[in-house]
Protein backbone atom coordinates (compact mmCIF):
# COMPACT_ATOMS: atom_id res chain seq x y z
CA MET A 1 27.33 9.26 46.85
CA THR A 2 28.11 11.53 43.93
CA GLY A 3 25.59 14.22 42.95
CA LEU A 4 24.63 12.58 39.97
CA GLU A 5 24.06 9.11 41.86
CA ARG A 6 22.34 10.73 44.73
CA THR A 7 19.82 12.57 42.29
CA ARG A 8 19.17 9.68 39.95
CA ALA A 9 18.39 7.12 43.12
CA ALA A 10 16.27 9.94 44.93
CA MET A 11 14.20 10.37 41.58
CA ARG A 12 13.41 6.54 41.29
CA GLY A 13 12.48 6.33 44.85
CA HIS A 14 16.01 4.25 46.01
CA ALA A 15 17.84 4.72 49.31
CA VAL A 16 20.09 7.87 49.40
CA ASP A 17 22.78 9.14 51.89
CA ARG A 18 20.67 12.49 52.15
CA VAL A 19 18.12 14.44 49.79
CA PRO A 20 19.60 15.83 46.57
CA VAL A 21 19.61 19.97 46.35
CA PHE A 22 20.05 22.08 43.65
CA PRO A 23 17.78 25.44 42.21
CA ILE A 24 17.24 26.80 39.09
CA LEU A 25 20.37 29.54 39.55
CA ILE A 26 20.60 32.06 36.50
CA ALA A 27 20.80 35.57 37.70
CA PRO A 28 22.27 34.77 41.43
CA ALA A 29 24.84 33.07 39.76
CA CYS A 30 25.95 35.71 37.65
CA ARG A 31 26.34 37.65 40.82
CA LEU A 32 28.03 35.36 42.92
CA VAL A 33 30.92 34.74 39.86
CA GLY A 34 30.93 38.54 38.98
CA VAL A 35 29.48 38.62 35.70
CA LYS A 36 27.09 40.54 33.92
CA GLN A 37 24.02 38.70 32.89
CA ARG A 38 23.89 40.20 29.14
CA GLU A 39 27.39 38.57 28.72
CA TYR A 40 26.13 35.13 30.14
CA ASN A 41 23.07 35.11 28.14
CA LEU A 42 25.19 35.53 24.70
CA ASP A 43 28.12 33.67 25.74
CA PRO A 44 27.94 29.96 25.93
CA ARG A 45 31.37 29.60 27.69
CA VAL A 46 30.52 32.51 29.88
CA MET A 47 26.98 30.82 30.55
CA ALA A 48 28.19 27.32 31.10
CA GLU A 49 31.53 28.45 33.65
CA THR A 50 29.31 30.83 35.52
CA LEU A 51 26.80 27.53 36.20
CA LEU A 52 30.15 25.42 37.02
CA GLN A 53 31.53 27.89 39.46
CA ALA A 54 28.14 28.70 41.41
CA ARG A 55 27.65 25.04 41.94
CA GLU A 56 31.10 24.90 43.62
CA LEU A 57 30.46 27.65 45.68
CA CYS A 58 26.94 26.35 46.87
CA GLY A 59 27.92 22.72 47.01
CA PHE A 60 24.64 21.54 45.24
CA ASP A 61 23.96 18.10 43.64
CA GLY A 62 23.14 19.32 39.96
CA ILE A 63 23.35 21.87 37.62
CA TYR A 64 20.03 23.80 35.90
CA VAL A 65 21.22 25.04 32.50
CA SER A 66 18.80 27.64 31.11
CA ARG A 67 19.04 31.29 29.84
CA ASP A 68 15.77 32.68 29.95
CA ASN A 69 12.05 31.97 28.65
CA TRP A 70 12.33 33.77 25.48
CA VAL A 71 14.58 31.30 23.52
CA PHE A 72 11.45 30.09 21.36
CA HIS A 73 10.78 33.97 20.98
CA GLU A 74 14.04 34.50 19.85
CA ALA A 75 14.73 31.48 17.58
CA LEU A 76 11.27 32.03 15.47
CA GLY A 77 12.14 35.56 14.73
CA GLY A 78 11.20 37.43 17.74
CA THR A 79 13.51 40.29 18.81
CA LEU A 80 14.77 40.64 22.03
CA ASP A 81 16.45 43.59 24.26
CA PHE A 82 19.55 41.99 26.71
CA PRO A 83 19.72 44.56 29.12
CA GLU A 84 23.77 44.63 30.57
CA ASP A 85 22.96 43.41 34.19
CA ASP A 86 19.33 42.33 33.96
CA GLU A 87 16.83 39.83 32.54
CA SER A 88 16.27 40.02 28.97
CA PHE A 89 12.69 40.83 27.63
CA THR A 90 10.59 41.50 24.47
CA ARG A 91 8.74 44.50 23.86
CA THR A 92 6.46 43.00 21.03
CA PRO A 93 5.04 39.81 21.15
CA LEU A 94 5.66 37.92 17.55
CA LEU A 95 2.22 37.23 16.10
CA ALA A 96 0.02 40.26 16.30
CA ASP A 97 -3.14 37.71 15.29
CA LEU A 98 -4.23 34.18 15.74
CA PRO A 99 -3.71 33.32 12.44
CA GLY A 100 -0.38 34.65 11.97
CA TRP A 101 1.24 31.25 13.20
CA ARG A 102 1.07 29.94 9.54
CA SER A 103 4.14 32.28 8.36
CA LEU A 104 6.31 30.58 11.09
CA SER A 105 8.30 27.10 10.90
CA VAL A 106 10.17 25.24 13.15
CA PRO A 107 13.61 26.54 13.45
CA ASP A 108 16.40 24.08 13.65
CA PRO A 109 18.34 24.27 16.81
CA ARG A 110 21.84 23.82 15.56
CA ASP A 111 21.50 27.13 13.56
CA ALA A 112 18.31 29.01 15.61
CA PRO A 113 19.54 31.99 17.71
CA GLY A 114 19.06 31.56 21.63
CA MET A 115 18.74 27.87 21.01
CA ARG A 116 22.55 27.11 19.99
CA THR A 117 23.54 29.32 22.68
CA VAL A 118 22.37 26.92 25.30
CA LEU A 119 23.07 23.97 23.49
CA ALA A 120 26.73 24.74 23.32
CA ALA A 121 26.75 26.05 26.86
CA ALA A 122 25.01 22.27 28.03
CA ARG A 123 27.74 20.50 26.07
CA GLN A 124 30.32 22.22 28.06
CA VAL A 125 28.73 21.85 31.30
CA VAL A 126 28.01 18.12 30.85
CA ALA A 127 31.61 17.82 29.64
CA SER A 128 32.79 19.58 32.65
CA ALA A 129 30.16 17.78 35.05
CA GLY A 130 31.20 14.16 34.26
CA ASN A 131 29.42 11.85 36.41
CA ARG A 132 29.74 13.77 39.53
CA PHE A 133 26.54 16.07 39.39
CA TYR A 134 23.06 15.75 37.60
CA VAL A 135 22.78 18.07 34.67
CA GLN A 136 19.08 19.23 34.14
CA ALA A 137 18.64 21.72 30.89
CA ASN A 138 15.69 24.34 30.45
CA ILE A 139 14.20 23.36 27.16
CA ASP A 140 12.04 26.76 27.76
CA THR A 141 7.99 26.50 27.82
CA GLY A 142 5.36 23.83 27.05
CA PRO A 143 3.61 24.17 23.83
CA PHE A 144 0.54 26.23 25.67
CA SER A 145 2.76 28.62 27.42
CA LEU A 146 4.94 29.03 24.29
CA ALA A 147 1.24 29.84 22.35
CA ALA A 148 0.96 32.68 25.05
CA VAL A 149 4.43 33.89 24.72
CA LEU A 150 3.99 34.35 21.05
CA ARG A 151 0.77 35.80 21.10
CA GLY A 152 1.09 37.97 24.82
CA ALA A 153 -0.46 35.79 27.56
CA GLU A 154 -3.71 38.18 27.62
CA ALA A 155 -4.13 38.02 24.16
CA PHE A 156 -3.96 34.32 24.02
CA LEU A 157 -6.22 33.66 26.93
CA MET A 158 -8.70 35.73 24.91
CA ASP A 159 -8.41 33.77 21.93
CA LEU A 160 -9.15 30.70 24.07
CA ALA A 161 -12.53 32.02 24.70
CA THR A 162 -12.87 33.90 21.58
CA ALA A 163 -11.39 32.47 18.62
CA ASP A 164 -11.85 29.22 16.26
CA GLU A 165 -10.90 26.18 17.89
CA GLY A 166 -9.19 25.06 14.57
CA GLU A 167 -6.60 28.04 14.44
CA LEU A 168 -5.72 27.59 18.15
CA ARG A 169 -4.95 23.98 17.77
CA GLY A 170 -2.93 24.54 14.75
CA LEU A 171 -0.95 27.11 16.69
CA LEU A 172 -0.39 24.73 19.70
CA GLU A 173 0.67 21.91 17.41
CA LEU A 174 3.34 24.15 15.81
CA CYS A 175 4.33 24.86 19.50
CA THR A 176 4.36 21.32 20.62
CA ASP A 177 6.37 20.81 17.09
CA VAL A 178 9.30 23.31 18.06
CA VAL A 179 9.64 22.25 21.66
CA ILE A 180 9.97 18.55 20.45
CA ALA A 181 12.91 19.74 18.00
CA TYR A 182 14.53 21.85 20.54
CA GLY A 183 14.22 18.60 23.12
CA LYS A 184 15.63 16.21 21.22
CA ALA A 185 18.71 18.46 20.12
CA MET A 186 18.93 18.85 24.23
CA ILE A 187 18.94 15.37 24.77
CA ALA A 188 21.80 14.77 22.13
CA THR A 189 23.91 17.25 24.37
CA GLY A 190 24.32 14.39 27.05
CA VAL A 191 22.04 16.15 29.82
CA HIS A 192 20.12 13.90 32.66
CA GLY A 193 17.56 15.49 32.45
CA ILE A 194 15.19 18.51 30.32
CA GLN A 195 12.26 20.40 31.85
CA PHE A 196 10.01 22.74 30.38
CA GLY A 197 7.52 25.00 32.24
CA ASP A 198 4.30 25.80 31.25
CA ALA A 199 3.48 28.54 33.86
CA THR A 200 0.56 30.00 32.22
CA ALA A 201 -1.50 26.66 31.39
CA SER A 202 -2.06 27.38 35.54
CA LEU A 203 -4.00 30.18 34.67
CA VAL A 204 -6.85 27.99 33.16
CA SER A 205 -9.80 25.60 34.07
CA PRO A 206 -9.42 22.55 35.01
CA ALA A 207 -11.60 21.87 31.75
CA ASP A 208 -9.50 24.13 29.33
CA PHE A 209 -6.47 22.60 30.90
CA GLN A 210 -8.04 19.16 29.92
CA ARG A 211 -8.50 20.36 26.42
CA PHE A 212 -5.42 22.91 25.45
CA VAL A 213 -2.83 21.79 27.50
CA VAL A 214 -2.64 18.08 28.28
CA PRO A 215 -2.95 16.46 24.67
CA TYR A 216 0.22 18.65 23.86
CA GLN A 217 2.31 18.12 26.53
CA ARG A 218 1.44 14.36 26.05
CA ARG A 219 3.00 14.60 22.44
CA ALA A 220 5.71 16.44 23.31
CA LEU A 221 6.35 13.98 26.34
CA GLU A 222 5.79 10.74 24.39
CA ALA A 223 8.35 12.18 21.42
CA LEU A 224 11.10 13.26 23.65
CA GLY A 225 11.04 9.78 25.51
CA GLY A 226 14.14 8.61 23.55
CA ALA A 227 15.80 5.25 23.97
CA ARG A 228 15.00 3.56 27.38
CA VAL A 229 17.36 1.22 29.38
CA GLU A 230 15.99 -1.81 31.31
CA THR A 231 16.49 -2.00 34.83
CA GLY A 232 15.37 -4.77 37.74
CA GLY A 233 12.29 -3.25 38.30
CA GLY A 234 11.06 -1.34 41.66
CA SER A 235 9.10 0.64 43.31
CA GLY A 236 9.00 4.77 43.41
CA PRO A 237 8.74 7.31 40.96
CA GLY A 238 9.64 6.17 37.72
CA PRO A 239 8.70 3.34 35.42
CA ALA A 240 9.26 -0.09 37.21
CA SER A 241 10.84 -1.85 34.20
CA ALA A 242 12.97 0.60 32.15
CA GLU A 243 14.94 4.04 32.68
CA PRO A 244 14.47 6.84 30.19
CA ARG A 245 18.05 7.97 28.69
CA CYS A 246 17.04 11.45 29.43
CA ASP A 247 14.89 12.35 32.61
CA ARG A 248 11.70 14.45 31.12
CA TRP A 249 10.20 17.40 33.77
CA ILE A 250 8.07 19.98 33.96
CA HIS A 251 7.67 22.89 36.22
CA ILE A 252 4.53 25.07 36.66
CA CYS A 253 4.61 28.02 38.55
CA GLY A 254 2.12 28.99 41.24
CA ARG A 255 -1.16 27.23 42.28
CA THR A 256 -1.47 23.65 40.79
CA ASP A 257 -3.64 21.68 42.88
CA HIS A 258 -6.34 21.96 40.32
CA VAL A 259 -4.41 20.52 37.37
CA LEU A 260 -2.18 17.84 38.92
CA PRO A 261 -4.99 15.07 38.75
CA LEU A 262 -5.12 15.55 35.17
CA MET A 263 -1.18 14.91 34.63
CA ARG A 264 -1.16 11.59 36.18
CA GLY A 265 -1.04 9.79 33.21
CA LEU A 266 1.56 11.68 31.41
CA PRO A 267 5.05 9.98 30.38
CA PHE A 268 7.28 11.89 32.60
CA GLN A 269 9.78 11.20 35.68
CA GLY A 270 9.60 14.59 37.68
CA PHE A 271 7.44 17.56 38.33
CA GLU A 272 9.11 20.76 40.08
CA VAL A 273 6.42 21.58 42.68
CA ASP A 274 6.14 25.51 43.49
CA ALA A 275 5.77 26.61 47.11
CA LYS A 276 1.79 26.95 47.12
CA VAL A 277 1.16 23.14 47.30
CA PRO A 278 2.53 21.31 49.93
CA LEU A 279 4.84 17.97 48.35
CA ARG A 280 2.69 16.03 50.09
CA GLU A 281 -0.14 16.92 48.63
CA ALA A 282 1.47 17.08 45.09
CA ARG A 283 2.61 13.57 46.05
CA ARG A 284 -1.30 12.63 46.33
CA LEU A 285 -2.43 14.15 43.42
CA LEU A 286 0.34 13.19 40.82
CA GLY A 287 0.68 9.80 42.21
CA ASP A 288 3.74 7.55 43.28
CA ARG A 289 5.52 7.56 39.82
CA VAL A 290 6.72 10.81 39.42
CA ALA A 291 9.46 12.63 41.87
CA LEU A 292 8.90 15.89 43.26
CA LYS A 293 11.40 18.74 43.27
CA GLY A 294 10.82 21.85 45.35
CA ASN A 295 9.52 23.61 47.52
CA LEU A 296 11.00 26.38 49.64
CA ASP A 297 9.25 29.91 48.90
CA THR A 298 11.52 31.96 46.87
CA THR A 299 11.03 35.12 48.62
CA PHE A 300 11.65 33.38 51.95
CA LEU A 301 14.81 32.15 50.70
CA LEU A 302 15.77 35.69 49.36
CA ARG A 303 14.82 37.83 52.56
CA GLN A 304 15.25 35.44 55.82
CA SER A 305 18.63 34.76 57.63
CA ALA A 306 20.29 31.46 56.39
CA ASP A 307 19.86 30.02 59.95
CA VAL A 308 15.86 30.80 59.70
CA VAL A 309 16.31 28.99 55.82
CA ARG A 310 17.96 25.89 57.49
CA ARG A 311 15.32 25.63 59.52
CA GLU A 312 12.60 26.31 57.21
CA SER A 313 14.21 23.69 54.93
CA ALA A 314 14.46 21.40 57.73
CA ARG A 315 10.54 21.58 58.37
CA ILE A 316 9.78 21.10 54.45
CA LEU A 317 12.19 17.94 54.31
CA HIS A 318 10.10 16.46 57.41
CA ASP A 319 6.87 17.03 56.22
CA ALA A 320 7.93 15.89 52.64
CA PRO A 321 7.26 11.98 51.21
CA SER A 322 9.99 9.69 52.49
CA HIS A 323 10.92 8.91 48.76
CA GLY A 324 11.06 10.44 45.20
CA VAL A 325 11.84 14.04 46.35
CA VAL A 326 14.60 16.64 45.26
CA PHE A 327 14.81 19.78 47.71
CA SER A 328 14.94 23.38 45.93
CA PRO A 329 13.16 26.49 45.94
CA GLY A 330 9.65 26.24 43.99
CA CYS A 331 10.89 28.76 41.37
CA GLY A 332 13.95 30.44 39.95
CA VAL A 333 15.85 32.08 42.77
CA PRO A 334 15.77 35.67 43.08
CA ARG A 335 19.20 37.57 41.97
CA MET A 336 20.31 39.40 45.39
CA THR A 337 19.88 35.78 47.44
CA PRO A 338 22.54 35.28 49.84
CA LEU A 339 25.26 32.82 49.27
CA GLU A 340 24.57 31.78 53.17
CA ASN A 341 21.02 31.32 52.08
CA LEU A 342 21.77 28.77 49.46
CA ARG A 343 24.19 26.80 51.31
CA ALA A 344 21.57 26.64 54.34
CA MET A 345 19.54 24.32 51.69
CA VAL A 346 22.50 21.85 51.61
CA HIS A 347 23.27 22.13 55.27
CA ALA A 348 19.33 21.31 56.41
CA ALA A 349 19.65 18.34 53.82
CA GLU A 350 22.68 16.88 55.57
CA GLU A 351 21.49 17.39 59.17
CA HIS A 352 18.00 15.64 57.59
CA ALA A 353 19.94 12.78 56.58
CA ALA A 354 21.99 12.48 60.20
CA GLU A 355 18.81 13.21 62.29
CA GLY A 356 17.55 10.15 60.65
CA ARG A 357 20.74 7.76 60.70
CA ALA A 358 20.95 8.65 64.29
CA ALA A 359 16.84 7.69 64.64
CA GLU A 360 17.43 3.84 63.22
CA GLU A 361 20.70 3.66 65.24
CA ARG A 362 18.36 4.36 68.45
CA ALA A 363 15.93 1.84 67.49
CA ALA A 364 18.13 -0.67 66.71
CA ALA A 365 19.98 -0.58 70.14
CA ALA A 366 16.58 -0.56 71.85
CA GLY A 367 16.14 -3.95 69.87
CA PRO A 368 12.91 -5.50 69.16
CA PRO A 369 10.14 -4.60 71.96
CA PRO A 370 9.23 -7.22 73.95
CA LEU A 371 6.65 -9.88 73.59
CA ARG A 372 3.47 -9.81 75.69
CA GLY A 373 1.82 -12.91 76.67
CA PRO A 374 -2.03 -13.58 76.66
CA VAL A 375 -3.70 -11.37 79.55
CA ALA A 376 -5.16 -13.90 82.20
CA LYS A 377 -8.41 -13.78 82.85
CA ALA A 378 -10.16 -12.88 86.52
């Protein structure tokens, strides 16, 4: 199977030759290829070529196209610093006060800084990958987390407790429109999946998550549903009778077991699970129709030897649900992670598949258990 075939089949609960593997790989990709991160962030050609070369080095089944989580901030007029070889950052949130959202408007992704760079890189990656690899693109943040970016996380969480709810919802509606505009432009590049992160949403109570997160995630996901292709049905993650043109993914960092049940009815195909929630628990909370991606601890991946990473990866795969799983770290891979550790995840998936085939062969060779007749009474 190709990486694309393997990933799509796994997501839909179909049989695969092994579990697909691909992570969020940005800063490590730059280090492995020998590219400065500023150049990567600002030049779409460099971004695309770096991601393609890093995938080749590691043997992954997919490519995650992303820059950082400041794309919306920049597109809406915020300033960013781009260090030569480190993560980009801002010194000042865009909105000094909550009512300031009224001065913002939805940018055109084709022209907006940041957005146009990642879109161009995504088009190049799609053209180079063809039908060989799954291409997943980051569309920055979900509506709730975008509001936190624009106000600053601390200020926005205070707004939840003290501000006029109408102003809060006005900002969240604007943020949803921005997510939809960028998401539609990204789908048009031909990527196989889009993902937004909503990390700040994990910090609120289930009640606030239901009030201020779920409605805006739902509106964005429904608007990004796109054309659907009829399929023959079947069980497992994803709709039984229709396949989306582009898979919709959500990633939320940290502990999410308190909010996952509230997301069960949302129209998305995949959820990236951080290391704090076991995959089986995420499956129980989200249900069978959402594929799971994860969830090796990123610090563990950075610090341990390749052999230890391989054994831990094997344990996670052994304990994971039997279908609908893509293996990866639970979040973005740290910059200095060794290449051997990244390859160890793929080796673990290959060994896990070989062990499964061997067990099936042993069971087939043993034949059916002997029939037992009734036990004679004394």
